[in-house]
Amino acid sequence: MTISSTIKRLRRENNITQEQLAEYLGITSRAVSQWECGRTAPDLAQLPALCHIFDVSADALLGIDVEKSDEAIKRYLDEASDLGNQGKGAERTALLREANRKFPRSYPIMHRLADSLVCEYSRKGIKQYDEVFDLCRRILAECTDSKIRYAAIETLGTAYGYAGKADEMHKLAEEMPNAHFSYENFMLYRWHGDADFAERQSYIAYLINQLISAIGSAAGHRHDNGKLIYSNEERIALHRLQTDLLEVLFPDSDYQYLAQDGEIACSQIAIIFLRNNDLENAWQWIEKSAAFAIHMDTYDCDAPHTSPVLRGYASGGWIMEANGNRTQAMLDWLTTDAEAAVLRADSRYAPLVSRLKAVAKKP
């Protein structure tokens, strides 16, 4: 529907004559007649007044089918999610660029494009994030949706971190509410019934991920002088705590993407033992790390958890790293790293490599 036919329809629906509309706008009735005949169109400056007179949005006045646009935007976002779950970062970014050209004022698309660029650039070691900065700053300048704004702040802060802009990152982080004021924390004791259970499970999944990841990060934390805060024995204990938590929380071994935390924790323990020339313990944890890596690369992304804590909840997929999936990364370390040379002479080496090769994948 053209703006000419829309103005005519809205004028009649509101019982306004051409003369009355012309008087409201301070123009001639002939000008209104010319609009409705499609010979001319209102000036851009007259659109706000027309919207006010007819009590409609600019989209409705211009004949834009908002519902169809929203459906198209959702299709783009869903397809982008599918590409991300398949590890196709470049394809996802290209799709979101196309979507951004078609819907240049869609803030969800802007944010998803910015987030996709951060994921892609960080895996390629790219340090130029100007496009991400521009997209996120535009969202923060124009968008009033608080969820999208907070998502944009997080993405912008992440980009600042990868770009080496620590001061900007810390300043931006101060704009975020602390965990105490989060929606999930507020709703923790207010969720009831079937409708709220999915949100409760999602929050539990988030807390488990954060706790296990935070313990791993703490184990590797360093003083300002670069020295590790924890001793090797303490680091082993912390990483073992990560794997213990996973095994207690998921007795069915349905770790899903949390298997990556288990794999990394086990590999860190194995490296400590390897550097201490304790090959037996090193092998024990290498084998356990491989089991987590294989689980990470072979679990069904759509399958729900079966362990009680998240029964029925599906954590979803993950984005493959630049050097391949987790088994490929472990395979690369075993076959090429100088520190792993001592392992290559062991009889356990060939069977392990064979198991890893069966699921290893490069990007």
Foldseek 3Di string as FASTA:
>chain_A
DALLCLLVVLCVVVVHDLCRVCVQQVHHSVVNVCSNVVVDHDDPVCQVVSCVVSVHDSCSSRVHPVVVLVVVVVVLVVVLQVCQLVQNLVVSLVSLVVVCVVVVPDLVSLLVNLQSCLQVCLLVLHQDSVSSLVSLVVCCVDPPPVVSNVSSLVSNLSSCVSNVNVVVNVVSVVPDDDPCPDPCNVCVVPQDDDVRVLVNLVVVVVVLLCVLVVLLVLLQDADPVRHRPDDLVVSLVSLVVSVVVQCVQAVVNLSAQSLQSNLVSLQSNLLSCLVVVNNVSNVVSNVRSLVSQVSHQDPDQPDFGCGPSGGPHGPGGHHARQAWGSLSVSLCCCPPPPSNVVVVVDPVSVVSNVVSVVRTDHD
